[in-house]
Amino acid sequence: MKTMDITQLPFNRLIGLQRAEAPYLLSLPESSQYHNHLGTVHASALLSVAEATSGEFLIQSLGSIAGVIPVVRRLEAKFKKPGLGQLLGRCTAAPEVVSKLRSDLESKSRGMIELPIEVCGTDGTIFLTAEIEWFIAIQK
């Protein structure tokens, strides 16, 4: 995969996505511009952090493989609590899931992976959980 800075994709720059400290990958700063009609973080902002976090996880996991083209195939999310303040995204995928994807890419030049994502607050409160399925192919 061509190394990219996910925070520099046009949409992610527009919304102000930033890198986060481990165990989180990405964050969205606290700002009223992300609020909905209830004064909590809008569902779209939560979903944006989840999707970008899954992409960042793939970049970190597959960065050394040339020609990788990832595309989101499915996203399923559950909103747990109203989002408040800074948002932090993390991926909780097991190492064997990434190993299987790497094996599929080597043997078939394509594969799929489901990544479990959590979007949390700075106190660890989980606002959203998501399963994001990626289809990945190697361009030759």
Protein backbone atom coordinates (compact mmCIF):
# COMPACT_ATOMS: atom_id res chain seq x y z
CA MET A 1 0.00 0.00 0.00
CA LYS A 2 1.34 3.37 -0.92
CA THR A 3 2.13 5.07 2.36
CA MET A 4 -0.34 7.85 2.93
CA ASP A 5 -1.19 10.21 5.71
CA ILE A 6 -4.88 9.56 6.29
CA THR A 7 -5.27 12.89 8.08
CA GLN A 8 -4.37 14.63 4.80
CA LEU A 9 -7.19 13.16 2.71
CA PRO A 10 -9.41 16.09 1.66
CA PHE A 11 -12.47 15.06 3.70
CA ASN A 12 -10.41 14.24 6.78
CA ARG A 13 -8.66 17.62 6.55
CA LEU A 14 -12.05 19.31 6.17
CA ILE A 15 -13.35 17.84 9.42
CA GLY A 16 -10.07 18.30 11.31
CA LEU A 17 -9.10 14.67 11.90
CA GLN A 18 -5.84 14.31 13.84
CA ARG A 19 -3.44 11.60 14.99
CA ALA A 20 -3.89 10.32 18.54
CA GLU A 21 -1.70 8.73 21.17
CA ALA A 22 -1.77 4.94 21.62
CA PRO A 23 -3.89 2.93 22.09
CA TYR A 24 -5.93 5.27 19.89
CA LEU A 25 -5.12 5.92 16.24
CA LEU A 26 -7.09 9.07 15.35
CA SER A 27 -9.01 11.83 17.05
CA LEU A 28 -11.46 14.61 16.32
CA PRO A 29 -11.10 17.64 18.57
CA GLU A 30 -13.87 18.91 20.79
CA SER A 31 -15.86 21.55 18.92
CA SER A 32 -19.47 22.67 18.67
CA GLN A 33 -19.16 22.44 14.87
CA TYR A 34 -19.62 18.67 15.23
CA HIS A 35 -22.82 18.94 17.29
CA ASN A 36 -26.30 17.84 16.34
CA HIS A 37 -29.65 19.32 17.37
CA LEU A 38 -29.25 17.81 20.87
CA GLY A 39 -25.87 19.39 21.54
CA THR A 40 -24.02 16.07 21.31
CA VAL A 41 -21.63 14.89 18.61
CA HIS A 42 -23.41 14.25 15.30
CA ALA A 43 -23.65 10.62 14.15
CA SER A 44 -21.77 11.48 10.94
CA ALA A 45 -18.78 12.74 12.94
CA LEU A 46 -18.70 9.52 14.98
CA LEU A 47 -18.92 7.41 11.81
CA SER A 48 -16.18 9.46 10.13
CA VAL A 49 -13.79 8.77 13.00
CA ALA A 50 -14.66 5.05 12.87
CA GLU A 51 -14.11 4.72 9.11
CA ALA A 52 -10.88 6.71 9.09
CA THR A 53 -9.57 4.74 12.08
CA SER A 54 -10.12 1.49 10.21
CA GLY A 55 -8.26 2.92 7.21
CA GLU A 56 -5.37 4.05 9.40
CA PHE A 57 -5.20 0.56 10.91
CA LEU A 58 -4.92 -0.91 7.40
CA ILE A 59 -2.18 1.55 6.45
CA GLN A 60 -0.20 0.61 9.54
CA SER A 61 -0.82 -3.13 9.03
CA LEU A 62 -0.25 -3.39 5.27
CA GLY A 63 2.04 -0.44 4.55
CA SER A 64 4.82 -2.64 3.21
CA ILE A 65 2.70 -4.37 0.54
CA ALA A 66 2.93 -2.65 -2.86
CA GLY A 67 -0.13 -2.00 -5.05
CA VAL A 68 -2.79 -2.49 -2.35
CA ILE A 69 -6.17 -0.93 -3.14
CA PRO A 70 -8.59 -0.99 -0.18
CA VAL A 71 -12.31 -0.18 -0.49
CA VAL A 72 -14.91 -0.14 2.28
CA ARG A 73 -17.51 -2.79 1.48
CA ARG A 74 -19.74 -2.59 4.55
CA LEU A 75 -20.01 -0.58 7.75
CA GLU A 76 -22.24 -1.61 10.63
CA ALA A 77 -22.35 0.61 13.71
CA LYS A 78 -24.05 0.72 17.06
CA PHE A 79 -24.38 3.99 18.94
CA LYS A 80 -23.81 3.25 22.64
CA LYS A 81 -23.95 6.69 24.31
CA PRO A 82 -24.21 10.29 23.13
CA GLY A 83 -20.82 11.56 22.01
CA LEU A 84 -19.35 14.45 23.96
CA GLY A 85 -16.00 16.25 23.70
CA GLN A 86 -12.97 14.94 21.87
CA LEU A 87 -13.47 11.70 19.93
CA LEU A 88 -10.81 8.97 19.87
CA GLY A 89 -10.79 5.98 17.51
CA ARG A 90 -9.16 2.61 18.09
CA CYS A 91 -9.14 -0.75 16.35
CA THR A 92 -9.29 -3.94 18.41
CA ALA A 93 -8.49 -6.45 15.64
CA ALA A 94 -6.62 -9.60 16.64
CA PRO A 95 -3.20 -10.17 15.00
CA GLU A 96 -4.41 -13.41 13.38
CA VAL A 97 -7.05 -11.47 11.41
CA VAL A 98 -4.31 -9.38 9.81
CA SER A 99 -2.19 -12.49 9.22
CA LYS A 100 -5.06 -14.14 7.33
CA LEU A 101 -5.51 -11.03 5.18
CA ARG A 102 -1.79 -10.95 4.38
CA SER A 103 -1.92 -14.64 3.45
CA ASP A 104 -4.95 -14.10 1.18
CA LEU A 105 -3.26 -11.13 -0.51
CA GLU A 106 -0.12 -13.19 -1.15
CA SER A 107 -1.99 -16.24 -2.49
CA LYS A 108 -4.98 -14.66 -4.28
CA SER A 109 -4.03 -10.97 -4.71
CA ARG A 110 -7.24 -10.07 -2.92
CA GLY A 111 -8.90 -10.48 0.42
CA MET A 112 -11.42 -9.15 2.90
CA ILE A 113 -11.09 -8.11 6.51
CA GLU A 114 -13.60 -7.06 9.15
CA LEU A 115 -12.21 -4.56 11.60
CA PRO A 116 -13.78 -3.90 15.01
CA ILE A 117 -13.63 -0.19 15.83
CA GLU A 118 -14.47 1.79 18.94
CA VAL A 119 -14.98 5.55 19.10
CA CYS A 120 -14.47 6.79 22.65
CA GLY A 121 -14.20 9.89 24.78
CA THR A 122 -11.07 10.93 26.65
CA ASP A 123 -12.38 9.18 29.77
CA GLY A 124 -12.70 5.87 27.89
CA THR A 125 -16.49 6.02 27.49
CA ILE A 126 -17.41 4.14 24.31
CA PHE A 127 -19.78 6.19 22.15
CA LEU A 128 -19.87 3.90 19.12
CA THR A 129 -18.78 0.41 18.13
CA ALA A 130 -18.48 -0.56 14.48
CA GLU A 131 -17.55 -3.46 12.23
CA ILE A 132 -16.02 -2.18 9.03
CA GLU A 133 -15.48 -4.66 6.22
CA TRP A 134 -12.83 -3.85 3.64
CA PHE A 135 -12.26 -5.50 0.26
CA ILE A 136 -8.61 -5.27 -0.66
CA ALA A 137 -6.98 -6.09 -3.98
CA ILE A 138 -3.41 -5.86 -5.21
CA GLN A 139 -3.00 -3.95 -8.44
CA LYS A 140 -0.41 -5.61 -10.63
